Structure formats: structure tokens, C-alpha cells
Amino acid sequence: MVGGASSSREDPGRSILEGQLAAATARAEDALAQLREREQELRTALAQTTTLEAEMAELRLRPEAAEVAQWRQEAEAAARWQQEAAEATRWRQEAEEAARLRAEAGDLLTQLGEERHRGDMLRSEMRGLERALALVGRNRSATSRSGIPSGSAGHYLTGSSGWRRNEEEE
């Protein structure tokens, strides 16, 4: 891609990586929003529980009835705390998943950049090869007009490019 314009011959691997990156980013953002919302709910529930505990401590009307009511409230509070603890564990796991997805999105973004760079390098190499082929074509037509047998010019061109190829392999 040059200048951000897409091509119909764009690498399908790049499209897949971009799709995966977009999906991972969306999942991470959604999970983060849910975590923030649930954190606020937990803070509100904790404030209400604290208020109720303070009110329970003040209520000491009839010892027996108050004790039964207190035990019931404590049992309900314990059940709520257990449920909230389980939810907090789940949110913590979701936060870890969101962090993992962010890291995965970063990795995919890096891969995408590398693929783009590789594509740019291949296009540059292709342009260089096209220029070299054009020069070879011009040289051949110039040698045929000059009277040099075409086999000699072909041998010269093949020999020099073979020499370059051998240097690159070493």
C-alpha cells in the first residue's frame, strides 16, 4: 500500500491481520467498559453494606428479635459478599483477558507493519528488476544494430548477472 490507498492485489494475510486486530481491540474495549461499570456497582454495594452494618449496630431494641434480624442480615450479607467475591474474580479474569487481547492486538499491529514493510521491499525490488529487464532489452537491441553477434552479448549479460547472483549467495 502506498500512501494509505488499498489495492485489489493487497495481501490477503494483511487483511486477516487487520480484521483480527480490529476484533481484538473491540473485545478489549468492551471488556474494559464492562469492568468499569461493574467496579462502580461494587463500590455502591459496598457503601450500602457499610451503611446497613452501621444501622444494625445502632439497633438494639429487643435482644431476641434484634438478634434474629441481625443473623438474617448477616447471612444475607455473607451471601452477597460471596457472590460479589465470585464476580470480582470473574472481572479480574476479564481484565487479564483484556490485557492479553491488548498485547495480542499490539503483536498483530507489529506483524501488520512488518508485512507492509516486506510488501514495500518486494515492490521496490520488482521495480528494480523491471528497470534491469528494460536495460537488458535496450542493450540487446543496441548490440544487434552494432553487428555484434547476439550470442556474444547474451553471454556477456548472462555472465555478469550470474556473477552478481554468486556474490549475493555468499
C-alpha atoms as a PDB file:
ATOM      1  CA  MET A   1       0.000   0.000   0.000  1.00  0.00           C
ATOM      2  CA  VAL A   2       1.340   3.378  -0.967  1.00  0.00           C
ATOM      3  CA  GLY A   3       0.038   6.461   0.799  1.00  0.00           C
ATOM      4  CA  GLY A   4      -2.711   4.529   2.576  1.00  0.00           C
ATOM      5  CA  ALA A   5      -4.551   3.575  -0.629  1.00  0.00           C
ATOM      6  CA  SER A   6      -5.634  -0.042  -0.806  1.00  0.00           C
ATOM      7  CA  SER A   7      -5.138  -2.206  -3.827  1.00  0.00           C
ATOM      8  CA  SER A   8      -7.184  -5.052  -5.254  1.00  0.00           C
ATOM      9  CA  ARG A   9      -3.969  -7.054  -5.184  1.00  0.00           C
ATOM     10  CA  GLU A  10      -3.465  -6.403  -1.471  1.00  0.00           C
ATOM     11  CA  ASP A  11      -2.012  -9.290   0.526  1.00  0.00           C
ATOM     12  CA  PRO A  12      -4.887 -11.373   1.990  1.00  0.00           C
ATOM     13  CA  GLY A  13      -2.753 -12.085   5.080  1.00  0.00           C
ATOM     14  CA  ARG A  14      -2.660  -8.378   5.803  1.00  0.00           C
ATOM     15  CA  SER A  15      -6.463  -8.146   5.595  1.00  0.00           C
ATOM     16  CA  ILE A  16      -6.787 -11.058   8.010  1.00  0.00           C
ATOM     17  CA  LEU A  17      -4.349  -9.428  10.436  1.00  0.00           C
ATOM     18  CA  GLU A  18      -6.219  -6.120  10.208  1.00  0.00           C
ATOM     19  CA  GLY A  19      -9.515  -7.905  10.881  1.00  0.00           C
ATOM     20  CA  GLN A  20      -8.062  -9.763  13.849  1.00  0.00           C
ATOM     21  CA  LEU A  21      -6.586  -6.542  15.182  1.00  0.00           C
ATOM     22  CA  ALA A  22      -9.914  -4.704  14.908  1.00  0.00           C
ATOM     23  CA  ALA A  23     -11.813  -7.568  16.570  1.00  0.00           C
ATOM     24  CA  ALA A  24      -9.274  -7.902  19.402  1.00  0.00           C
ATOM     25  CA  THR A  25      -9.327  -4.143  20.008  1.00  0.00           C
ATOM     26  CA  ALA A  26     -13.140  -4.072  20.097  1.00  0.00           C
ATOM     27  CA  ARG A  27     -13.251  -7.001  22.548  1.00  0.00           C
ATOM     28  CA  ALA A  28     -10.672  -5.356  24.790  1.00  0.00           C
ATOM     29  CA  GLU A  29     -12.525  -2.029  24.823  1.00  0.00           C
ATOM     30  CA  ASP A  30     -15.850  -3.749  25.552  1.00  0.00           C
ATOM     31  CA  ALA A  31     -14.361  -5.784  28.400  1.00  0.00           C
ATOM     32  CA  LEU A  32     -12.780  -2.660  29.884  1.00  0.00           C
ATOM     33  CA  ALA A  33     -16.089  -0.749  29.759  1.00  0.00           C
ATOM     34  CA  GLN A  34     -17.874  -3.638  31.479  1.00  0.00           C
ATOM     35  CA  LEU A  35     -15.188  -3.791  34.157  1.00  0.00           C
ATOM     36  CA  ARG A  36     -15.510  -0.093  34.899  1.00  0.00           C
ATOM     37  CA  GLU A  37     -19.294  -0.363  35.112  1.00  0.00           C
ATOM     38  CA  ARG A  38     -19.119  -3.360  37.458  1.00  0.00           C
ATOM     39  CA  GLU A  39     -16.478  -1.673  39.608  1.00  0.00           C
ATOM     40  CA  GLN A  40     -18.877   1.239  40.162  1.00  0.00           C
ATOM     41  CA  GLU A  41     -21.674  -1.192  41.055  1.00  0.00           C
ATOM     42  CA  LEU A  42     -19.411  -2.893  43.607  1.00  0.00           C
ATOM     43  CA  ARG A  43     -18.434   0.422  45.169  1.00  0.00           C
ATOM     44  CA  THR A  44     -22.117   1.351  45.525  1.00  0.00           C
ATOM     45  CA  ALA A  45     -22.956  -2.055  47.046  1.00  0.00           C
ATOM     46  CA  LEU A  46     -20.065  -1.746  49.493  1.00  0.00           C
ATOM     47  CA  ALA A  47     -21.246   1.709  50.583  1.00  0.00           C
ATOM     48  CA  GLN A  48     -24.776   0.373  51.128  1.00  0.00           C
ATOM     49  CA  THR A  49     -23.462  -2.604  53.103  1.00  0.00           C
ATOM     50  CA  THR A  50     -21.377  -0.338  55.305  1.00  0.00           C
ATOM     51  CA  THR A  51     -24.409   1.865  55.958  1.00  0.00           C
ATOM     52  CA  LEU A  52     -26.553  -1.162  56.824  1.00  0.00           C
ATOM     53  CA  GLU A  53     -23.917  -2.511  59.195  1.00  0.00           C
ATOM     54  CA  ALA A  54     -23.785   0.832  60.987  1.00  0.00           C
ATOM     55  CA  GLU A  55     -27.575   0.894  61.291  1.00  0.00           C
ATOM     56  CA  MET A  56     -27.610  -2.695  62.580  1.00  0.00           C
ATOM     57  CA  ALA A  57     -25.108  -1.791  65.277  1.00  0.00           C
ATOM     58  CA  GLU A  58     -27.368   1.041  66.448  1.00  0.00           C
ATOM     59  CA  LEU A  59     -30.480  -1.122  66.576  1.00  0.00           C
ATOM     60  CA  ARG A  60     -30.573  -2.923  69.896  1.00  0.00           C
ATOM     61  CA  LEU A  61     -34.337  -2.784  70.635  1.00  0.00           C
ATOM     62  CA  ARG A  62     -35.274  -6.272  71.753  1.00  0.00           C
ATOM     63  CA  PRO A  63     -32.350  -8.647  72.165  1.00  0.00           C
ATOM     64  CA  GLU A  64     -34.047 -11.758  70.729  1.00  0.00           C
ATOM     65  CA  ALA A  65     -35.806 -10.149  67.778  1.00  0.00           C
ATOM     66  CA  ALA A  66     -32.815  -7.969  67.079  1.00  0.00           C
ATOM     67  CA  GLU A  67     -30.504 -10.999  67.165  1.00  0.00           C
ATOM     68  CA  VAL A  68     -32.684 -12.945  64.722  1.00  0.00           C
ATOM     69  CA  ALA A  69     -32.895  -9.968  62.386  1.00  0.00           C
ATOM     70  CA  GLN A  70     -29.163  -9.416  62.700  1.00  0.00           C
ATOM     71  CA  TRP A  71     -28.374 -13.068  61.945  1.00  0.00           C
ATOM     72  CA  ARG A  72     -30.641 -12.935  58.915  1.00  0.00           C
ATOM     73  CA  GLN A  73     -28.989  -9.759  57.692  1.00  0.00           C
ATOM     74  CA  GLU A  74     -25.530 -11.159  58.337  1.00  0.00           C
ATOM     75  CA  ALA A  75     -26.416 -14.318  56.428  1.00  0.00           C
ATOM     76  CA  GLU A  76     -27.721 -12.219  53.544  1.00  0.00           C
ATOM     77  CA  ALA A  77     -24.637 -10.010  53.680  1.00  0.00           C
ATOM     78  CA  ALA A  78     -22.373 -13.077  53.702  1.00  0.00           C
ATOM     79  CA  ALA A  79     -24.214 -14.467  50.670  1.00  0.00           C
ATOM     80  CA  ARG A  80     -23.850 -11.109  48.897  1.00  0.00           C
ATOM     81  CA  TRP A  81     -20.152 -10.956  49.761  1.00  0.00           C
ATOM     82  CA  GLN A  82     -19.620 -14.466  48.393  1.00  0.00           C
ATOM     83  CA  GLN A  83     -21.433 -13.562  45.182  1.00  0.00           C
ATOM     84  CA  GLU A  84     -19.501 -10.318  44.850  1.00  0.00           C
ATOM     85  CA  ALA A  85     -16.223 -12.114  45.523  1.00  0.00           C
ATOM     86  CA  ALA A  86     -17.032 -14.588  42.735  1.00  0.00           C
ATOM     87  CA  GLU A  87     -17.917 -11.694  40.428  1.00  0.00           C
ATOM     88  CA  ALA A  88     -14.734  -9.849  41.387  1.00  0.00           C
ATOM     89  CA  THR A  89     -12.735 -12.957  40.492  1.00  0.00           C
ATOM     90  CA  ARG A  90     -14.510 -13.133  37.141  1.00  0.00           C
ATOM     91  CA  TRP A  91     -13.852  -9.415  36.487  1.00  0.00           C
ATOM     92  CA  ARG A  92     -10.219  -9.860  37.381  1.00  0.00           C
ATOM     93  CA  GLN A  93     -10.043 -12.697  34.850  1.00  0.00           C
ATOM     94  CA  GLU A  94     -11.781 -10.496  32.283  1.00  0.00           C
ATOM     95  CA  ALA A  95      -9.294  -7.709  32.987  1.00  0.00           C
ATOM     96  CA  GLU A  96      -6.446 -10.152  32.431  1.00  0.00           C
ATOM     97  CA  GLU A  97      -8.112 -11.277  29.198  1.00  0.00           C
ATOM     98  CA  ALA A  98      -8.455  -7.631  28.138  1.00  0.00           C
ATOM     99  CA  ALA A  99      -4.747  -7.087  28.833  1.00  0.00           C
ATOM    100  CA  ARG A 100      -3.906 -10.234  26.874  1.00  0.00           C
ATOM    101  CA  LEU A 101      -6.086  -9.041  23.994  1.00  0.00           C
ATOM    102  CA  ARG A 102      -4.362  -5.640  24.056  1.00  0.00           C
ATOM    103  CA  ALA A 103      -0.984  -7.379  23.883  1.00  0.00           C
ATOM    104  CA  GLU A 104      -2.252  -9.591  21.063  1.00  0.00           C
ATOM    105  CA  ALA A 105      -3.520  -6.516  19.236  1.00  0.00           C
ATOM    106  CA  GLY A 106      -0.078  -4.929  19.621  1.00  0.00           C
ATOM    107  CA  ASP A 107       1.567  -8.076  18.259  1.00  0.00           C
ATOM    108  CA  LEU A 108      -0.831  -8.136  15.309  1.00  0.00           C
ATOM    109  CA  LEU A 109      -0.132  -4.473  14.653  1.00  0.00           C
ATOM    110  CA  THR A 110       3.601  -5.210  14.657  1.00  0.00           C
ATOM    111  CA  GLN A 111       3.083  -8.126  12.258  1.00  0.00           C
ATOM    112  CA  LEU A 112       0.998  -5.907  10.011  1.00  0.00           C
ATOM    113  CA  GLY A 113       3.769  -3.297   9.950  1.00  0.00           C
ATOM    114  CA  GLU A 114       6.328  -5.959   9.133  1.00  0.00           C
ATOM    115  CA  GLU A 115       4.130  -7.312   6.338  1.00  0.00           C
ATOM    116  CA  ARG A 116       3.675  -3.821   4.926  1.00  0.00           C
ATOM    117  CA  HIS A 117       7.429  -3.267   5.044  1.00  0.00           C
ATOM    118  CA  ARG A 118       8.030  -6.614   3.363  1.00  0.00           C
ATOM    119  CA  GLY A 119       5.495  -5.707   0.649  1.00  0.00           C
ATOM    120  CA  ASP A 120       7.172  -2.342   0.110  1.00  0.00           C
ATOM    121  CA  MET A 121      10.565  -4.044  -0.170  1.00  0.00           C
ATOM    122  CA  LEU A 122       9.200  -6.571  -2.681  1.00  0.00           C
ATOM    123  CA  ARG A 123       7.615  -3.799  -4.773  1.00  0.00           C
ATOM    124  CA  SER A 124      10.898  -1.885  -4.726  1.00  0.00           C
ATOM    125  CA  GLU A 125      12.801  -4.992  -5.764  1.00  0.00           C
ATOM    126  CA  MET A 126      10.252  -5.615  -8.535  1.00  0.00           C
ATOM    127  CA  ARG A 127      10.715  -2.087  -9.890  1.00  0.00           C
ATOM    128  CA  GLY A 128      14.479  -2.599  -9.876  1.00  0.00           C
ATOM    129  CA  LEU A 129      14.114  -5.875 -11.752  1.00  0.00           C
ATOM    130  CA  GLU A 130      11.791  -4.242 -14.278  1.00  0.00           C
ATOM    131  CA  ARG A 131      14.364  -1.498 -14.880  1.00  0.00           C
ATOM    132  CA  ALA A 132      17.099  -4.119 -15.253  1.00  0.00           C
ATOM    133  CA  LEU A 133      14.993  -6.047 -17.781  1.00  0.00           C
ATOM    134  CA  ALA A 134      14.338  -2.853 -19.721  1.00  0.00           C
ATOM    135  CA  LEU A 135      18.084  -2.119 -19.803  1.00  0.00           C
ATOM    136  CA  VAL A 136      18.842  -5.661 -20.955  1.00  0.00           C
ATOM    137  CA  GLY A 137      16.275  -5.290 -23.745  1.00  0.00           C
ATOM    138  CA  ARG A 138      17.815  -1.982 -24.849  1.00  0.00           C
ATOM    139  CA  ASN A 139      21.334  -3.416 -24.695  1.00  0.00           C
ATOM    140  CA  ARG A 140      20.345  -6.401 -26.815  1.00  0.00           C
ATOM    141  CA  SER A 141      18.733  -4.261 -29.482  1.00  0.00           C
ATOM    142  CA  ALA A 142      21.765  -1.916 -29.441  1.00  0.00           C
ATOM    143  CA  THR A 143      24.193  -4.833 -29.864  1.00  0.00           C
ATOM    144  CA  SER A 144      22.154  -6.340 -32.690  1.00  0.00           C
ATOM    145  CA  ARG A 145      22.268  -2.997 -34.533  1.00  0.00           C
ATOM    146  CA  SER A 146      26.015  -2.689 -33.916  1.00  0.00           C
ATOM    147  CA  GLY A 147      26.768  -6.000 -35.592  1.00  0.00           C
ATOM    148  CA  ILE A 148      27.939  -7.861 -32.500  1.00  0.00           C
ATOM    149  CA  PRO A 149      26.570 -11.397 -32.674  1.00  0.00           C
ATOM    150  CA  SER A 150      23.625 -11.763 -30.319  1.00  0.00           C
ATOM    151  CA  GLY A 151      25.148 -14.838 -28.676  1.00  0.00           C
ATOM    152  CA  SER A 152      28.153 -12.783 -27.517  1.00  0.00           C
ATOM    153  CA  ALA A 153      26.014 -10.060 -25.972  1.00  0.00           C
ATOM    154  CA  GLY A 154      23.751 -12.634 -24.356  1.00  0.00           C
ATOM    155  CA  HIS A 155      26.766 -14.453 -22.914  1.00  0.00           C
ATOM    156  CA  TYR A 156      28.182 -11.193 -21.561  1.00  0.00           C
ATOM    157  CA  LEU A 157      24.854 -10.230 -19.917  1.00  0.00           C
ATOM    158  CA  THR A 158      24.246 -13.707 -18.524  1.00  0.00           C
ATOM    159  CA  GLY A 159      27.798 -13.957 -17.235  1.00  0.00           C
ATOM    160  CA  SER A 160      27.663 -10.630 -15.419  1.00  0.00           C
ATOM    161  CA  SER A 161      24.280 -11.282 -13.809  1.00  0.00           C
ATOM    162  CA  GLY A 162      25.430 -14.778 -12.813  1.00  0.00           C
ATOM    163  CA  TRP A 163      28.480 -13.201 -11.167  1.00  0.00           C
ATOM    164  CA  ARG A 164      26.220 -10.820  -9.190  1.00  0.00           C
ATOM    165  CA  ARG A 165      23.985 -13.702  -8.170  1.00  0.00           C
ATOM    166  CA  ASN A 166      27.019 -15.642  -6.895  1.00  0.00           C
ATOM    167  CA  GLU A 167      28.105 -12.641  -4.815  1.00  0.00           C
ATOM    168  CA  GLU A 168      24.640 -12.351  -3.250  1.00  0.00           C
ATOM    169  CA  GLU A 169      24.554 -16.067  -2.363  1.00  0.00           C
ATOM    170  CA  GLU A 170      27.856 -15.825  -0.482  1.00  0.00           C
END
